Amino acid sequence: MQEVSDETRNYGGRPVSARRAERRLQFIWAALEVFSDKGYASSSVADICTAASLARRQFYDEFDSREDLLIALYDQIQSDARDAMLTAIADEKPDTLADLAETAMTAFVESIGSDPRRAQISYVDIVGVSLRVEAHRVERRTEWAVFFKTTVQNAVGEDFVPPGGYEMASTAFIGALIALVHQWSTTPTRPPVDGLVKVMSTILSALIGTDTSSS
């Protein structure tokens, strides 16, 4: 008898794979709530199941541990931010580096910075949890560095190399962006996003030697 996969099996008129994906997201967003409220170290699987309104058995169908869930939450936040930037660039089609910087960074800030919990998970709670989590965080930072390089090269050409090379330039830019977004997102009275964009545009201009302050 041929084995039926989750993609073809149905439950209640819906593919099992779709229901599992939905449950997985329920756990991820429950983790955002619980980790932000109680702290990752002080939370439990029971807390997450209660927040998600799902059973402990269902949790272990998707994740081996809270640490796995933390990584999944972190990845979801990072992917949402990257997708927001790519969508904004595709929709607005900026034709100057200044417009590109404004479009991309505004989308990034609105995706991560508009919800202080996302910034807290991304830049505070994820740090130092374990060697495995730290290695994963560094890996994602490397992916952002590649994204930075590709975006700059698309704007100014593949022959351009910033001072110190792309590795150092991307580290400087991403580090500054992370610090600014975290500070902005946790400030009780947040200044306009335009202020962050101007600061980051100035830093980008210094790195690539191109005026991004105006179109």
N, C-alpha and C. Protein backbone atom coordinates (compact mmCIF):
# COMPACT_ATOMS: atom_id res chain seq x y z
N MET A 1 0.84 -1.20 0.00
CA MET A 1 0.00 0.00 0.00
C MET A 1 0.88 1.24 0.00
N GLN A 2 0.54 2.20 -0.84
CA GLN A 2 1.36 3.41 -0.96
C GLN A 2 1.19 4.30 0.27
N GLU A 3 2.31 4.79 0.80
CA GLU A 3 2.27 5.66 1.98
C GLU A 3 1.73 7.03 1.59
N VAL A 4 0.86 7.56 2.42
CA VAL A 4 0.26 8.87 2.16
C VAL A 4 1.03 9.93 2.93
N SER A 5 1.49 10.96 2.25
CA SER A 5 2.28 12.02 2.90
C SER A 5 1.37 13.05 3.53
N ASP A 6 1.97 13.91 4.37
CA ASP A 6 1.22 15.00 4.99
C ASP A 6 0.67 15.96 3.94
N GLU A 7 1.37 16.05 2.78
CA GLU A 7 0.94 16.98 1.74
C GLU A 7 -0.36 16.51 1.07
N THR A 8 -0.60 15.19 1.07
CA THR A 8 -1.79 14.67 0.40
C THR A 8 -2.88 14.26 1.37
N ARG A 9 -2.51 13.93 2.62
CA ARG A 9 -3.53 13.56 3.61
C ARG A 9 -4.35 14.78 3.99
N ASN A 10 -5.63 14.55 4.25
CA ASN A 10 -6.52 15.63 4.64
C ASN A 10 -7.12 15.35 6.00
N TYR A 11 -7.38 16.44 6.73
CA TYR A 11 -8.04 16.33 8.03
C TYR A 11 -8.97 17.53 8.13
N GLY A 12 -10.27 17.23 8.23
CA GLY A 12 -11.23 18.32 8.28
C GLY A 12 -11.25 19.14 7.00
N GLY A 13 -10.95 18.48 5.87
CA GLY A 13 -10.98 19.17 4.59
C GLY A 13 -9.74 19.95 4.25
N ARG A 14 -8.71 19.88 5.10
CA ARG A 14 -7.46 20.62 4.86
C ARG A 14 -6.28 19.66 4.90
N PRO A 15 -5.25 19.92 4.07
CA PRO A 15 -4.06 19.06 4.12
C PRO A 15 -3.44 19.10 5.51
N VAL A 16 -2.96 17.94 5.96
CA VAL A 16 -2.30 17.86 7.26
C VAL A 16 -1.10 18.80 7.32
N SER A 17 -0.38 18.91 6.19
CA SER A 17 0.80 19.78 6.16
C SER A 17 0.43 21.24 6.43
N ALA A 18 -0.73 21.67 5.92
CA ALA A 18 -1.17 23.05 6.14
C ALA A 18 -1.54 23.26 7.61
N ARG A 19 -2.19 22.28 8.20
CA ARG A 19 -2.56 22.39 9.62
C ARG A 19 -1.31 22.42 10.50
N ARG A 20 -0.31 21.61 10.14
CA ARG A 20 0.93 21.60 10.93
C ARG A 20 1.66 22.93 10.79
N ALA A 21 1.70 23.48 9.59
CA ALA A 21 2.35 24.77 9.38
C ALA A 21 1.65 25.85 10.20
N GLU A 22 0.33 25.77 10.26
CA GLU A 22 -0.45 26.73 11.04
C GLU A 22 -0.13 26.59 12.53
N ARG A 23 -0.08 25.36 13.01
CA ARG A 23 0.25 25.13 14.42
C ARG A 23 1.66 25.62 14.74
N ARG A 24 2.57 25.36 13.82
CA ARG A 24 3.95 25.80 14.03
C ARG A 24 4.00 27.31 14.22
N LEU A 25 3.28 28.05 13.39
CA LEU A 25 3.24 29.51 13.53
C LEU A 25 2.57 29.91 14.83
N GLN A 26 1.54 29.17 15.25
CA GLN A 26 0.91 29.47 16.54
C GLN A 26 1.93 29.38 17.67
N PHE A 27 2.74 28.35 17.64
CA PHE A 27 3.78 28.21 18.67
C PHE A 27 4.82 29.33 18.57
N ILE A 28 5.19 29.70 17.36
CA ILE A 28 6.19 30.75 17.17
C ILE A 28 5.70 32.07 17.73
N TRP A 29 4.45 32.44 17.41
CA TRP A 29 3.94 33.73 17.90
C TRP A 29 3.62 33.67 19.39
N ALA A 30 3.28 32.49 19.89
CA ALA A 30 3.11 32.34 21.33
C ALA A 30 4.45 32.52 22.03
N ALA A 31 5.52 32.02 21.42
CA ALA A 31 6.86 32.19 21.99
C ALA A 31 7.25 33.66 22.04
N LEU A 32 6.88 34.42 21.01
CA LEU A 32 7.17 35.85 21.02
C LEU A 32 6.53 36.51 22.23
N GLU A 33 5.30 36.12 22.51
CA GLU A 33 4.57 36.68 23.66
C GLU A 33 5.19 36.23 24.98
N VAL A 34 5.42 34.94 25.11
CA VAL A 34 5.90 34.38 26.38
C VAL A 34 7.34 34.79 26.67
N PHE A 35 8.23 34.66 25.69
CA PHE A 35 9.63 35.02 25.90
C PHE A 35 9.77 36.50 26.23
N SER A 36 8.95 37.33 25.59
CA SER A 36 9.03 38.78 25.85
C SER A 36 8.49 39.13 27.22
N ASP A 37 7.46 38.39 27.65
CA ASP A 37 6.82 38.69 28.93
C ASP A 37 7.59 38.12 30.12
N LYS A 38 8.00 36.85 30.03
CA LYS A 38 8.64 36.18 31.16
C LYS A 38 10.15 36.06 31.03
N GLY A 39 10.66 36.24 29.79
CA GLY A 39 12.07 35.98 29.54
C GLY A 39 12.25 34.54 29.10
N TYR A 40 13.17 34.33 28.18
CA TYR A 40 13.38 32.97 27.67
C TYR A 40 13.77 32.01 28.79
N ALA A 41 14.71 32.40 29.62
CA ALA A 41 15.22 31.50 30.66
C ALA A 41 14.16 31.12 31.69
N SER A 42 13.18 32.00 31.90
CA SER A 42 12.16 31.76 32.93
C SER A 42 10.88 31.14 32.38
N SER A 43 10.84 30.91 31.10
CA SER A 43 9.62 30.36 30.49
C SER A 43 9.69 28.84 30.40
N SER A 44 8.55 28.24 30.15
CA SER A 44 8.49 26.77 30.05
C SER A 44 7.67 26.38 28.83
N VAL A 45 7.78 25.11 28.46
CA VAL A 45 6.97 24.59 27.36
C VAL A 45 5.49 24.72 27.71
N ALA A 46 5.15 24.51 28.97
CA ALA A 46 3.76 24.64 29.41
C ALA A 46 3.24 26.06 29.18
N ASP A 47 4.07 27.06 29.48
CA ASP A 47 3.68 28.45 29.25
C ASP A 47 3.36 28.69 27.77
N ILE A 48 4.21 28.16 26.91
CA ILE A 48 4.05 28.37 25.47
C ILE A 48 2.81 27.65 24.97
N CYS A 49 2.57 26.44 25.44
CA CYS A 49 1.38 25.70 25.03
C CYS A 49 0.11 26.42 25.46
N THR A 50 0.13 26.98 26.66
CA THR A 50 -1.03 27.73 27.14
C THR A 50 -1.28 28.95 26.27
N ALA A 51 -0.23 29.69 25.96
CA ALA A 51 -0.37 30.89 25.13
C ALA A 51 -0.84 30.55 23.72
N ALA A 52 -0.42 29.39 23.21
CA ALA A 52 -0.79 28.98 21.85
C ALA A 52 -2.13 28.25 21.82
N SER A 53 -2.65 27.89 22.99
CA SER A 53 -3.88 27.09 23.10
C SER A 53 -3.72 25.76 22.37
N LEU A 54 -2.55 25.16 22.54
CA LEU A 54 -2.24 23.88 21.91
C LEU A 54 -1.66 22.93 22.96
N ALA A 55 -1.64 21.65 22.64
CA ALA A 55 -1.21 20.63 23.59
C ALA A 55 0.31 20.45 23.58
N ARG A 56 0.82 19.94 24.69
CA ARG A 56 2.25 19.66 24.81
C ARG A 56 2.70 18.67 23.72
N ARG A 57 1.87 17.69 23.44
CA ARG A 57 2.20 16.71 22.40
C ARG A 57 2.38 17.41 21.05
N GLN A 58 1.53 18.39 20.77
CA GLN A 58 1.63 19.12 19.51
C GLN A 58 2.91 19.94 19.45
N PHE A 59 3.34 20.45 20.60
CA PHE A 59 4.61 21.18 20.64
C PHE A 59 5.75 20.28 20.19
N TYR A 60 5.80 19.08 20.76
CA TYR A 60 6.92 18.18 20.45
C TYR A 60 6.79 17.53 19.07
N ASP A 61 5.63 17.69 18.44
CA ASP A 61 5.52 17.30 17.03
C ASP A 61 6.30 18.26 16.14
N GLU A 62 6.47 19.50 16.61
CA GLU A 62 7.11 20.54 15.79
C GLU A 62 8.53 20.88 16.25
N PHE A 63 8.78 20.80 17.54
CA PHE A 63 10.07 21.25 18.09
C PHE A 63 10.60 20.23 19.10
N ASP A 64 11.91 20.11 19.13
CA ASP A 64 12.53 19.21 20.10
C ASP A 64 12.70 19.87 21.47
N SER A 65 12.74 21.21 21.49
CA SER A 65 13.01 21.91 22.74
C SER A 65 12.62 23.38 22.61
N ARG A 66 12.64 24.08 23.74
CA ARG A 66 12.41 25.53 23.71
C ARG A 66 13.49 26.22 22.89
N GLU A 67 14.70 25.70 22.94
CA GLU A 67 15.79 26.30 22.18
C GLU A 67 15.50 26.24 20.68
N ASP A 68 14.97 25.12 20.22
CA ASP A 68 14.58 25.01 18.81
C ASP A 68 13.52 26.04 18.47
N LEU A 69 12.58 26.25 19.37
CA LEU A 69 11.53 27.23 19.14
C LEU A 69 12.10 28.64 19.12
N LEU A 70 13.04 28.93 20.01
CA LEU A 70 13.68 30.25 20.01
C LEU A 70 14.37 30.51 18.67
N ILE A 71 15.07 29.53 18.15
CA ILE A 71 15.73 29.67 16.85
C ILE A 71 14.70 29.90 15.75
N ALA A 72 13.60 29.15 15.80
CA ALA A 72 12.55 29.30 14.79
C ALA A 72 11.93 30.69 14.86
N LEU A 73 11.72 31.20 16.07
CA LEU A 73 11.18 32.55 16.24
C LEU A 73 12.14 33.59 15.70
N TYR A 74 13.40 33.45 16.04
CA TYR A 74 14.43 34.37 15.55
C TYR A 74 14.47 34.37 14.02
N ASP A 75 14.45 33.18 13.43
CA ASP A 75 14.48 33.07 11.97
C ASP A 75 13.26 33.71 11.34
N GLN A 76 12.10 33.53 11.97
CA GLN A 76 10.87 34.11 11.44
C GLN A 76 10.95 35.63 11.43
N ILE A 77 11.46 36.21 12.50
CA ILE A 77 11.60 37.67 12.59
C ILE A 77 12.57 38.17 11.53
N GLN A 78 13.70 37.49 11.38
CA GLN A 78 14.69 37.91 10.39
C GLN A 78 14.15 37.76 8.97
N SER A 79 13.46 36.67 8.70
CA SER A 79 12.89 36.45 7.36
C SER A 79 11.81 37.47 7.04
N ASP A 80 10.99 37.80 8.04
CA ASP A 80 9.96 38.82 7.83
C ASP A 80 10.59 40.15 7.46
N ALA A 81 11.69 40.50 8.13
CA ALA A 81 12.36 41.78 7.85
C ALA A 81 12.96 41.78 6.45
N ARG A 82 13.61 40.70 6.10
CA ARG A 82 14.21 40.62 4.76
C ARG A 82 13.13 40.65 3.68
N ASP A 83 12.05 39.91 3.89
CA ASP A 83 10.96 39.91 2.91
C ASP A 83 10.34 41.29 2.78
N ALA A 84 10.22 41.99 3.90
CA ALA A 84 9.66 43.35 3.86
C ALA A 84 10.53 44.27 3.03
N MET A 85 11.84 44.15 3.18
CA MET A 85 12.77 44.97 2.41
C MET A 85 12.69 44.65 0.92
N LEU A 86 12.70 43.37 0.58
CA LEU A 86 12.65 42.96 -0.82
C LEU A 86 11.34 43.39 -1.46
N THR A 87 10.24 43.26 -0.72
CA THR A 87 8.94 43.66 -1.25
C THR A 87 8.88 45.16 -1.48
N ALA A 88 9.41 45.93 -0.52
CA ALA A 88 9.40 47.38 -0.66
C ALA A 88 10.24 47.83 -1.85
N ILE A 89 11.41 47.21 -2.02
CA ILE A 89 12.28 47.55 -3.15
C ILE A 89 11.60 47.20 -4.47
N ALA A 90 10.96 46.04 -4.53
CA ALA A 90 10.27 45.61 -5.76
C ALA A 90 9.09 46.51 -6.08
N ASP A 91 8.37 46.94 -5.04
CA ASP A 91 7.17 47.76 -5.25
C ASP A 91 7.53 49.20 -5.64
N GLU A 92 8.52 49.77 -4.97
CA GLU A 92 8.85 51.18 -5.17
C GLU A 92 9.88 51.41 -6.27
N LYS A 93 10.66 50.37 -6.58
CA LYS A 93 11.66 50.44 -7.65
C LYS A 93 12.53 51.71 -7.54
N PRO A 94 13.24 51.90 -6.44
CA PRO A 94 14.09 53.09 -6.28
C PRO A 94 15.17 53.13 -7.35
N ASP A 95 15.39 54.32 -7.92
CA ASP A 95 16.37 54.42 -9.01
C ASP A 95 17.64 55.15 -8.60
N THR A 96 17.76 55.54 -7.35
CA THR A 96 19.00 56.11 -6.85
C THR A 96 19.38 55.38 -5.56
N LEU A 97 20.65 55.47 -5.20
CA LEU A 97 21.10 54.82 -3.98
C LEU A 97 20.43 55.43 -2.76
N ALA A 98 20.18 56.73 -2.81
CA ALA A 98 19.50 57.39 -1.69
C ALA A 98 18.11 56.82 -1.50
N ASP A 99 17.38 56.68 -2.61
CA ASP A 99 16.03 56.13 -2.53
C ASP A 99 16.05 54.66 -2.10
N LEU A 100 17.05 53.93 -2.58
CA LEU A 100 17.18 52.52 -2.20
C LEU A 100 17.41 52.39 -0.70
N ALA A 101 18.32 53.21 -0.17
CA ALA A 101 18.62 53.17 1.26
C ALA A 101 17.38 53.51 2.08
N GLU A 102 16.66 54.54 1.66
CA GLU A 102 15.46 54.95 2.39
C GLU A 102 14.40 53.86 2.35
N THR A 103 14.18 53.30 1.18
CA THR A 103 13.15 52.27 1.02
C THR A 103 13.47 51.03 1.84
N ALA A 104 14.69 50.54 1.72
CA ALA A 104 15.08 49.30 2.40
C ALA A 104 15.10 49.47 3.91
N MET A 105 15.70 50.55 4.38
CA MET A 105 15.84 50.72 5.83
C MET A 105 14.52 51.05 6.50
N THR A 106 13.65 51.79 5.81
CA THR A 106 12.33 52.06 6.36
C THR A 106 11.56 50.76 6.53
N ALA A 107 11.63 49.88 5.53
CA ALA A 107 10.94 48.59 5.62
C ALA A 107 11.51 47.74 6.75
N PHE A 108 12.83 47.76 6.91
CA PHE A 108 13.48 46.98 7.97
C PHE A 108 13.04 47.47 9.35
N VAL A 109 13.09 48.78 9.53
CA VAL A 109 12.74 49.35 10.83
C VAL A 109 11.28 49.07 11.16
N GLU A 110 10.40 49.22 10.17
CA GLU A 110 8.98 48.99 10.42
C GLU A 110 8.68 47.53 10.71
N SER A 111 9.48 46.62 10.14
CA SER A 111 9.26 45.20 10.37
C SER A 111 9.73 44.76 11.75
N ILE A 112 10.95 45.14 12.12
CA ILE A 112 11.51 44.70 13.41
C ILE A 112 11.29 45.73 14.51
N GLY A 113 11.53 47.00 14.20
CA GLY A 113 11.51 48.01 15.25
C GLY A 113 10.13 48.43 15.71
N SER A 114 9.11 48.25 14.87
CA SER A 114 7.77 48.70 15.25
C SER A 114 7.19 47.87 16.39
N ASP A 115 7.69 46.67 16.58
CA ASP A 115 7.28 45.81 17.69
C ASP A 115 8.49 45.59 18.59
N PRO A 116 8.56 46.25 19.74
CA PRO A 116 9.73 46.12 20.62
C PRO A 116 10.06 44.67 20.97
N ARG A 117 9.07 43.80 20.96
CA ARG A 117 9.32 42.39 21.29
C ARG A 117 10.20 41.73 20.25
N ARG A 118 10.00 42.09 18.99
CA ARG A 118 10.82 41.53 17.92
C ARG A 118 12.28 41.97 18.06
N ALA A 119 12.46 43.24 18.37
CA ALA A 119 13.82 43.74 18.57
C ALA A 119 14.46 43.10 19.79
N GLN A 120 13.69 42.91 20.85
CA GLN A 120 14.21 42.30 22.07
C GLN A 120 14.69 40.87 21.81
N ILE A 121 13.89 40.10 21.09
CA ILE A 121 14.28 38.73 20.75
C ILE A 121 15.51 38.72 19.86
N SER A 122 15.51 39.59 18.85
CA SER A 122 16.56 39.58 17.82
C SER A 122 17.91 40.04 18.34
N TYR A 123 17.92 41.00 19.25
CA TYR A 123 19.18 41.65 19.61
C TYR A 123 19.58 41.49 21.07
N VAL A 124 18.70 40.94 21.90
CA VAL A 124 19.03 40.77 23.32
C VAL A 124 18.87 39.31 23.76
N ASP A 125 17.66 38.78 23.65
CA ASP A 125 17.37 37.45 24.19
C ASP A 125 18.12 36.34 23.46
N ILE A 126 18.41 36.54 22.19
CA ILE A 126 19.06 35.49 21.40
C ILE A 126 20.55 35.36 21.73
N VAL A 127 21.12 36.40 22.34
CA VAL A 127 22.57 36.45 22.56
C VAL A 127 22.97 35.61 23.78
N GLY A 128 23.94 34.71 23.57
CA GLY A 128 24.52 33.97 24.69
C GLY A 128 23.69 32.85 25.26
N VAL A 129 22.65 32.43 24.57
CA VAL A 129 21.79 31.35 25.09
C VAL A 129 22.57 30.04 25.16
N SER A 130 23.27 29.71 24.10
CA SER A 130 24.08 28.49 24.05
C SER A 130 25.04 28.62 22.88
N LEU A 131 26.01 27.74 22.81
CA LEU A 131 26.95 27.75 21.69
C LEU A 131 26.22 27.51 20.37
N ARG A 132 25.24 26.63 20.41
CA ARG A 132 24.48 26.32 19.20
C ARG A 132 23.68 27.53 18.72
N VAL A 133 23.00 28.19 19.63
CA VAL A 133 22.21 29.36 19.25
C VAL A 133 23.12 30.49 18.78
N GLU A 134 24.25 30.65 19.44
CA GLU A 134 25.18 31.70 19.04
C GLU A 134 25.73 31.44 17.64
N ALA A 135 26.03 30.19 17.34
CA ALA A 135 26.51 29.85 16.00
C ALA A 135 25.44 30.14 14.96
N HIS A 136 24.20 29.87 15.30
CA HIS A 136 23.11 30.15 14.37
C HIS A 136 22.94 31.65 14.15
N ARG A 137 23.05 32.41 15.24
CA ARG A 137 22.93 33.87 15.13
C ARG A 137 24.02 34.43 14.22
N VAL A 138 25.24 33.95 14.39
CA VAL A 138 26.35 34.40 13.55
C VAL A 138 26.11 34.02 12.09
N GLU A 139 25.56 32.85 11.88
CA GLU A 139 25.24 32.41 10.52
C GLU A 139 24.23 33.34 9.86
N ARG A 140 23.22 33.74 10.61
CA ARG A 140 22.23 34.66 10.05
C ARG A 140 22.82 36.04 9.80
N ARG A 141 23.72 36.47 10.66
CA ARG A 141 24.41 37.74 10.42
C ARG A 141 25.21 37.66 9.12
N THR A 142 25.81 36.52 8.85
CA THR A 142 26.55 36.33 7.60
C THR A 142 25.62 36.44 6.40
N GLU A 143 24.42 35.90 6.53
CA GLU A 143 23.44 36.01 5.45
C GLU A 143 23.05 37.46 5.21
N TRP A 144 22.93 38.24 6.29
CA TRP A 144 22.64 39.66 6.13
C TRP A 144 23.81 40.37 5.45
N ALA A 145 25.03 39.95 5.75
CA ALA A 145 26.20 40.55 5.11
C ALA A 145 26.19 40.29 3.61
N VAL A 146 25.81 39.09 3.21
CA VAL A 146 25.70 38.77 1.78
C VAL A 146 24.60 39.61 1.14
N PHE A 147 23.50 39.78 1.85
CA PHE A 147 22.40 40.62 1.35
C PHE A 147 22.88 42.06 1.16
N PHE A 148 23.65 42.57 2.12
CA PHE A 148 24.20 43.92 2.03
C PHE A 148 25.08 44.05 0.80
N LYS A 149 25.97 43.10 0.61
CA LYS A 149 26.89 43.14 -0.53
C LYS A 149 26.13 43.10 -1.85
N THR A 150 25.18 42.21 -1.97
CA THR A 150 24.41 42.07 -3.21
C THR A 150 23.63 43.34 -3.51
N THR A 151 23.03 43.92 -2.48
CA THR A 151 22.23 45.13 -2.67
C THR A 151 23.09 46.30 -3.10
N VAL A 152 24.25 46.46 -2.47
CA VAL A 152 25.16 47.55 -2.84
C VAL A 152 25.69 47.35 -4.25
N GLN A 153 26.09 46.14 -4.58
CA GLN A 153 26.61 45.88 -5.92
C GLN A 153 25.56 46.12 -7.00
N ASN A 154 24.32 45.77 -6.71
CA ASN A 154 23.25 46.03 -7.67
C ASN A 154 23.06 47.52 -7.90
N ALA A 155 23.39 48.31 -6.88
CA ALA A 155 23.19 49.76 -6.98
C ALA A 155 24.39 50.48 -7.59
N VAL A 156 25.61 50.07 -7.24
CA VAL A 156 26.79 50.83 -7.69
C VAL A 156 27.72 50.03 -8.60
N GLY A 157 27.41 48.76 -8.84
CA GLY A 157 28.23 47.97 -9.74
C GLY A 157 29.08 46.95 -9.01
N GLU A 158 29.36 45.84 -9.68
CA GLU A 158 30.09 44.74 -9.05
C GLU A 158 31.58 45.03 -8.87
N ASP A 159 32.10 46.02 -9.58
CA ASP A 159 33.53 46.33 -9.47
C ASP A 159 33.86 47.11 -8.21
N PHE A 160 32.84 47.71 -7.60
CA PHE A 160 33.10 48.54 -6.42
C PHE A 160 33.44 47.67 -5.21
N VAL A 161 34.46 48.10 -4.46
CA VAL A 161 34.82 47.46 -3.20
C VAL A 161 34.95 48.55 -2.14
N PRO A 162 34.19 48.49 -1.05
CA PRO A 162 34.26 49.52 -0.02
C PRO A 162 35.57 49.47 0.75
N PRO A 163 35.92 50.53 1.46
CA PRO A 163 37.14 50.51 2.28
C PRO A 163 37.12 49.33 3.26
N GLY A 164 38.21 48.57 3.28
CA GLY A 164 38.27 47.41 4.17
C GLY A 164 37.62 46.16 3.62
N GLY A 165 36.96 46.28 2.46
CA GLY A 165 36.28 45.14 1.87
C GLY A 165 34.86 44.98 2.39
N TYR A 166 34.10 44.15 1.73
CA TYR A 166 32.68 43.99 2.09
C TYR A 166 32.47 43.37 3.46
N GLU A 167 33.36 42.50 3.88
CA GLU A 167 33.17 41.86 5.18
C GLU A 167 33.20 42.89 6.31
N MET A 168 34.19 43.78 6.28
CA MET A 168 34.28 44.80 7.33
C MET A 168 33.18 45.85 7.16
N ALA A 169 32.90 46.24 5.92
CA ALA A 169 31.88 47.26 5.68
C ALA A 169 30.50 46.77 6.11
N SER A 170 30.18 45.54 5.78
CA SER A 170 28.87 45.00 6.16
C SER A 170 28.77 44.85 7.68
N THR A 171 29.87 44.46 8.33
CA THR A 171 29.87 44.34 9.79
C THR A 171 29.61 45.69 10.44
N ALA A 172 30.25 46.73 9.92
CA ALA A 172 30.06 48.08 10.45
C ALA A 172 28.63 48.55 10.25
N PHE A 173 28.11 48.35 9.05
CA PHE A 173 26.77 48.85 8.73
C PHE A 173 25.70 48.08 9.50
N ILE A 174 25.79 46.76 9.49
CA ILE A 174 24.78 45.94 10.18
C ILE A 174 24.83 46.18 11.68
N GLY A 175 26.04 46.30 12.24
CA GLY A 175 26.16 46.56 13.67
C GLY A 175 25.52 47.88 14.06
N ALA A 176 25.75 48.91 13.25
CA ALA A 176 25.15 50.22 13.53
C ALA A 176 23.64 50.16 13.40
N LEU A 177 23.16 49.48 12.37
CA LEU A 177 21.72 49.38 12.15
C LEU A 177 21.04 48.65 13.30
N ILE A 178 21.63 47.55 13.75
CA ILE A 178 21.05 46.79 14.85
C ILE A 178 20.98 47.63 16.12
N ALA A 179 22.07 48.34 16.43
CA ALA A 179 22.10 49.16 17.64
C ALA A 179 21.06 50.26 17.59
N LEU A 180 20.94 50.91 16.44
CA LEU A 180 19.97 52.00 16.29
C LEU A 180 18.54 51.50 16.39
N VAL A 181 18.24 50.41 15.70
CA VAL A 181 16.88 49.89 15.72
C VAL A 181 16.49 49.43 17.12
N HIS A 182 17.42 48.78 17.81
CA HIS A 182 17.12 48.34 19.18
C HIS A 182 16.87 49.53 20.09
N GLN A 183 17.72 50.54 20.02
CA GLN A 183 17.53 51.72 20.86
C GLN A 183 16.21 52.41 20.51
N TRP A 184 15.94 52.55 19.23
CA TRP A 184 14.72 53.23 18.78
C TRP A 184 13.48 52.48 19.24
N SER A 185 13.49 51.16 19.11
CA SER A 185 12.30 50.37 19.42
C SER A 185 12.00 50.34 20.91
N THR A 186 13.00 50.57 21.75
CA THR A 186 12.80 50.52 23.20
C THR A 186 12.69 51.90 23.83
N THR A 187 12.70 52.94 23.00
CA THR A 187 12.54 54.30 23.51
C THR A 187 11.06 54.58 23.71
N PRO A 188 10.65 55.05 24.91
CA PRO A 188 9.22 55.27 25.18
C PRO A 188 8.55 56.17 24.14
N THR A 189 9.21 57.28 23.81
CA THR A 189 8.69 58.17 22.77
C THR A 189 9.61 58.07 21.57
N ARG A 190 9.22 57.27 20.63
CA ARG A 190 10.10 57.00 19.49
C ARG A 190 10.17 58.20 18.55
N PRO A 191 11.38 58.58 18.16
CA PRO A 191 11.52 59.63 17.16
C PRO A 191 11.06 59.10 15.81
N PRO A 192 10.80 59.98 14.84
CA PRO A 192 10.36 59.52 13.52
C PRO A 192 11.37 58.58 12.88
N VAL A 193 10.86 57.64 12.09
CA VAL A 193 11.72 56.70 11.39
C VAL A 193 12.69 57.43 10.47
N ASP A 194 12.27 58.58 9.97
CA ASP A 194 13.13 59.36 9.07
C ASP A 194 14.50 59.64 9.69
N GLY A 195 14.51 59.84 11.01
CA GLY A 195 15.78 60.13 11.67
C GLY A 195 16.75 58.97 11.58
N LEU A 196 16.25 57.75 11.77
CA LEU A 196 17.10 56.57 11.65
C LEU A 196 17.60 56.42 10.23
N VAL A 197 16.71 56.65 9.27
CA VAL A 197 17.08 56.50 7.87
C VAL A 197 18.19 57.48 7.49
N LYS A 198 18.10 58.71 7.99
CA LYS A 198 19.13 59.71 7.68
C LYS A 198 20.48 59.31 8.27
N VAL A 199 20.46 58.81 9.51
CA VAL A 199 21.71 58.38 10.14
C VAL A 199 22.34 57.23 9.36
N MET A 200 21.53 56.24 9.01
CA MET A 200 22.06 55.08 8.30
C MET A 200 22.49 55.44 6.88
N SER A 201 21.81 56.39 6.26
CA SER A 201 22.21 56.84 4.93
C SER A 201 23.57 57.53 4.98
N THR A 202 23.80 58.28 6.04
CA THR A 202 25.10 58.94 6.21
C THR A 202 26.21 57.90 6.39
N ILE A 203 25.94 56.88 7.19
CA ILE A 203 26.92 55.81 7.38
C ILE A 203 27.18 55.08 6.07
N LEU A 204 26.12 54.79 5.33
CA LEU A 204 26.26 54.10 4.05
C LEU A 204 27.07 54.94 3.08
N SER A 205 26.82 56.24 3.08
CA SER A 205 27.56 57.15 2.20
C SER A 205 29.05 57.11 2.52
N ALA A 206 29.39 57.08 3.81
CA ALA A 206 30.80 57.03 4.20
C ALA A 206 31.45 55.71 3.78
N LEU A 207 30.68 54.65 3.81
CA LEU A 207 31.22 53.33 3.48
C LEU A 207 31.46 53.15 1.99
N ILE A 208 30.56 53.70 1.19
CA ILE A 208 30.68 53.46 -0.25
C ILE A 208 31.12 54.68 -1.04
N GLY A 209 31.34 55.80 -0.32
CA GLY A 209 31.86 56.98 -1.00
C GLY A 209 30.90 57.60 -1.98
N THR A 210 29.60 57.43 -1.73
CA THR A 210 28.57 58.00 -2.60
C THR A 210 27.59 58.77 -1.75
N ASP A 211 27.17 59.92 -2.22
CA ASP A 211 26.24 60.75 -1.46
C ASP A 211 24.85 60.12 -1.51
N THR A 212 24.37 59.66 -0.36
CA THR A 212 23.02 59.08 -0.30
C THR A 212 22.06 60.00 0.44
N SER A 213 22.48 61.20 0.72
CA SER A 213 21.62 62.08 1.51
C SER A 213 20.55 62.74 0.68
N SER A 214 20.69 62.68 -0.64
CA SER A 214 19.67 63.26 -1.51
C SER A 214 19.64 62.46 -2.79
N SER A 215 18.54 62.53 -3.48
CA SER A 215 18.41 61.77 -4.72
C SER A 215 19.02 62.50 -5.88
